[in-house]
């Protein structure tokens, strides 16, 4: 079975498609000056964009892993945005963990697996 890689760089591909499944690399906001709400909105907009590029959408999301810099400070704000984003009746499997980020301004990052 073939593997399709989109937006490939030396270290990773933003999108990998294999056997009817779409894998997105960790997505995060480009504007790292925003608060958790702004970064969550921008992150999920990026997820929407890459899913569309792969030929699918958020109603087909199977799993989301969410990395949050500070659960006490950011969990509620992230969930406010995430809950509004999830397609009605299509809640995916999900994990949410506290994580040290590569840049201290990053408040949230998400990896997504979706069906085509």
C-alpha atoms as a PDB file:
ATOM      1  CA  UNK A   1       0.000   0.000   0.000  1.00  0.00           C
ATOM      2  CA  UNK A   2       1.237   3.424  -0.865  1.00  0.00           C
ATOM      3  CA  UNK A   3       2.101   6.163   1.574  1.00  0.00           C
ATOM      4  CA  UNK A   4       1.399   9.752   0.533  1.00  0.00           C
ATOM      5  CA  UNK A   5       3.305  12.542   2.270  1.00  0.00           C
ATOM      6  CA  UNK A   6       2.281  16.200   1.949  1.00  0.00           C
ATOM      7  CA  UNK A   7       4.179  19.292   3.043  1.00  0.00           C
ATOM      8  CA  UNK A   8       7.304  17.267   3.631  1.00  0.00           C
ATOM      9  CA  UNK A   9      10.411  18.753   5.195  1.00  0.00           C
ATOM     10  CA  UNK A  10      13.679  17.095   6.168  1.00  0.00           C
ATOM     11  CA  UNK A  11      12.490  15.965   9.622  1.00  0.00           C
ATOM     12  CA  UNK A  12       8.757  15.397   9.136  1.00  0.00           C
ATOM     13  CA  UNK A  13       5.703  15.621   6.926  1.00  0.00           C
ATOM     14  CA  UNK A  14       2.761  17.768   8.011  1.00  0.00           C
ATOM     15  CA  UNK A  15       0.342  15.220   6.515  1.00  0.00           C
ATOM     16  CA  UNK A  16       0.760  11.493   5.946  1.00  0.00           C
ATOM     17  CA  UNK A  17      -1.981   9.441   4.267  1.00  0.00           C
ATOM     18  CA  UNK A  18      -1.922   5.645   4.383  1.00  0.00           C
ATOM     19  CA  UNK A  19      -4.573   2.966   4.061  1.00  0.00           C
ATOM     20  CA  UNK A  20      -7.498   5.407   4.313  1.00  0.00           C
ATOM     21  CA  UNK A  21      -6.097   7.155   7.374  1.00  0.00           C
ATOM     22  CA  UNK A  22      -4.731  10.703   7.667  1.00  0.00           C
ATOM     23  CA  UNK A  23      -2.046  11.540  10.227  1.00  0.00           C
ATOM     24  CA  UNK A  24      -1.270  15.170  11.033  1.00  0.00           C
ATOM     25  CA  UNK A  25       1.985  16.282  12.608  1.00  0.00           C
ATOM     26  CA  UNK A  26       1.674  18.370  15.753  1.00  0.00           C
ATOM     27  CA  UNK A  27      -0.205  21.562  14.932  1.00  0.00           C
ATOM     28  CA  UNK A  28       0.182  24.808  16.793  1.00  0.00           C
ATOM     29  CA  UNK A  29      -0.492  28.492  16.387  1.00  0.00           C
ATOM     30  CA  UNK A  30       1.765  30.590  14.201  1.00  0.00           C
ATOM     31  CA  UNK A  31       1.154  33.665  16.347  1.00  0.00           C
ATOM     32  CA  UNK A  32       2.655  32.663  19.667  1.00  0.00           C
ATOM     33  CA  UNK A  33       1.802  35.977  21.311  1.00  0.00           C
ATOM     34  CA  UNK A  34      -1.860  35.002  21.765  1.00  0.00           C
ATOM     35  CA  UNK A  35      -3.458  33.599  24.906  1.00  0.00           C
ATOM     36  CA  UNK A  36      -4.667  29.987  25.165  1.00  0.00           C
ATOM     37  CA  UNK A  37      -7.997  30.793  23.473  1.00  0.00           C
ATOM     38  CA  UNK A  38      -6.322  32.482  20.511  1.00  0.00           C
ATOM     39  CA  UNK A  39      -3.679  29.753  20.177  1.00  0.00           C
ATOM     40  CA  UNK A  40      -6.305  26.998  20.414  1.00  0.00           C
ATOM     41  CA  UNK A  41      -8.445  28.670  17.738  1.00  0.00           C
ATOM     42  CA  UNK A  42      -5.482  29.068  15.413  1.00  0.00           C
ATOM     43  CA  UNK A  43      -4.310  25.509  16.054  1.00  0.00           C
ATOM     44  CA  UNK A  44      -7.721  24.050  15.212  1.00  0.00           C
ATOM     45  CA  UNK A  45      -7.985  26.258  12.112  1.00  0.00           C
ATOM     46  CA  UNK A  46      -4.677  24.734  10.993  1.00  0.00           C
ATOM     47  CA  UNK A  47      -6.063  21.245  11.683  1.00  0.00           C
ATOM     48  CA  UNK A  48      -9.126  22.076   9.564  1.00  0.00           C
ATOM     49  CA  UNK A  49      -6.914  23.352   6.736  1.00  0.00           C
ATOM     50  CA  UNK A  50      -4.680  20.267   6.684  1.00  0.00           C
ATOM     51  CA  UNK A  51      -7.608  17.861   6.940  1.00  0.00           C
ATOM     52  CA  UNK A  52      -9.226  19.575   3.948  1.00  0.00           C
ATOM     53  CA  UNK A  53      -5.953  19.376   2.025  1.00  0.00           C
ATOM     54  CA  UNK A  54      -5.856  15.643   2.746  1.00  0.00           C
ATOM     55  CA  UNK A  55      -9.438  15.220   1.547  1.00  0.00           C
ATOM     56  CA  UNK A  56     -11.283  14.857   4.855  1.00  0.00           C
ATOM     57  CA  UNK A  57     -12.724  16.994   7.665  1.00  0.00           C
ATOM     58  CA  UNK A  58     -13.225  17.164  11.422  1.00  0.00           C
ATOM     59  CA  UNK A  59     -16.285  14.895  11.297  1.00  0.00           C
ATOM     60  CA  UNK A  60     -13.887  12.060  10.400  1.00  0.00           C
ATOM     61  CA  UNK A  61     -11.376  12.675  13.209  1.00  0.00           C
ATOM     62  CA  UNK A  62     -10.622   9.428  15.038  1.00  0.00           C
ATOM     63  CA  UNK A  63      -8.164  10.616  17.682  1.00  0.00           C
ATOM     64  CA  UNK A  64      -6.667  13.838  19.025  1.00  0.00           C
ATOM     65  CA  UNK A  65      -3.713  14.144  21.387  1.00  0.00           C
ATOM     66  CA  UNK A  66      -3.497  17.567  23.011  1.00  0.00           C
ATOM     67  CA  UNK A  67      -0.336  18.865  24.654  1.00  0.00           C
ATOM     68  CA  UNK A  68      -0.940  21.776  27.036  1.00  0.00           C
ATOM     69  CA  UNK A  69       1.858  23.803  28.597  1.00  0.00           C
ATOM     70  CA  UNK A  70       0.116  24.384  31.949  1.00  0.00           C
ATOM     71  CA  UNK A  71      -3.046  22.425  32.800  1.00  0.00           C
ATOM     72  CA  UNK A  72      -4.016  24.731  35.678  1.00  0.00           C
ATOM     73  CA  UNK A  73      -3.701  27.876  33.579  1.00  0.00           C
ATOM     74  CA  UNK A  74      -4.761  26.640  30.127  1.00  0.00           C
ATOM     75  CA  UNK A  75      -6.986  23.545  30.279  1.00  0.00           C
ATOM     76  CA  UNK A  76     -10.328  25.355  30.631  1.00  0.00           C
ATOM     77  CA  UNK A  77      -9.596  27.895  27.887  1.00  0.00           C
ATOM     78  CA  UNK A  78      -8.416  25.191  25.484  1.00  0.00           C
ATOM     79  CA  UNK A  79     -11.509  23.076  26.208  1.00  0.00           C
ATOM     80  CA  UNK A  80     -13.799  26.053  25.577  1.00  0.00           C
ATOM     81  CA  UNK A  81     -12.430  26.327  22.035  1.00  0.00           C
ATOM     82  CA  UNK A  82     -12.106  22.572  21.468  1.00  0.00           C
ATOM     83  CA  UNK A  83     -15.688  21.838  22.575  1.00  0.00           C
ATOM     84  CA  UNK A  84     -17.026  24.413  20.100  1.00  0.00           C
ATOM     85  CA  UNK A  85     -14.867  22.919  17.315  1.00  0.00           C
ATOM     86  CA  UNK A  86     -15.809  19.228  17.669  1.00  0.00           C
ATOM     87  CA  UNK A  87     -18.419  18.217  15.106  1.00  0.00           C
ATOM     88  CA  UNK A  88     -21.783  17.333  16.693  1.00  0.00           C
ATOM     89  CA  UNK A  89     -21.965  13.608  17.370  1.00  0.00           C
ATOM     90  CA  UNK A  90     -18.373  13.071  16.191  1.00  0.00           C
ATOM     91  CA  UNK A  91     -16.284  13.365  19.358  1.00  0.00           C
ATOM     92  CA  UNK A  92     -12.989  11.533  18.722  1.00  0.00           C
ATOM     93  CA  UNK A  93     -10.916   9.531  21.155  1.00  0.00           C
ATOM     94  CA  UNK A  94      -8.777  12.057  23.021  1.00  0.00           C
ATOM     95  CA  UNK A  95      -5.850  12.374  25.370  1.00  0.00           C
ATOM     96  CA  UNK A  96      -4.680  15.604  26.961  1.00  0.00           C
ATOM     97  CA  UNK A  97      -1.333  15.873  28.712  1.00  0.00           C
ATOM     98  CA  UNK A  98       0.821  18.576  30.245  1.00  0.00           C
ATOM     99  CA  UNK A  99       4.025  18.971  28.275  1.00  0.00           C
ATOM    100  CA  UNK A 100       7.146  21.081  28.067  1.00  0.00           C
ATOM    101  CA  UNK A 101       7.096  22.863  24.715  1.00  0.00           C
ATOM    102  CA  UNK A 102       9.988  23.554  22.349  1.00  0.00           C
ATOM    103  CA  UNK A 103       9.312  27.303  22.679  1.00  0.00           C
ATOM    104  CA  UNK A 104       8.087  28.780  25.990  1.00  0.00           C
ATOM    105  CA  UNK A 105       5.462  30.839  24.121  1.00  0.00           C
ATOM    106  CA  UNK A 106       3.705  27.712  22.792  1.00  0.00           C
ATOM    107  CA  UNK A 107       0.686  27.009  25.001  1.00  0.00           C
ATOM    108  CA  UNK A 108      -0.953  24.148  23.075  1.00  0.00           C
ATOM    109  CA  UNK A 109      -0.109  21.631  20.350  1.00  0.00           C
ATOM    110  CA  UNK A 110      -2.356  18.957  18.847  1.00  0.00           C
ATOM    111  CA  UNK A 111      -1.777  15.799  16.823  1.00  0.00           C
ATOM    112  CA  UNK A 112      -4.688  14.363  14.869  1.00  0.00           C
ATOM    113  CA  UNK A 113      -5.572  11.063  13.203  1.00  0.00           C
ATOM    114  CA  UNK A 114      -8.579  11.017  10.862  1.00  0.00           C
ATOM    115  CA  UNK A 115     -10.270   8.728   8.363  1.00  0.00           C
ATOM    116  CA  UNK A 116     -10.501   9.785   4.735  1.00  0.00           C
END
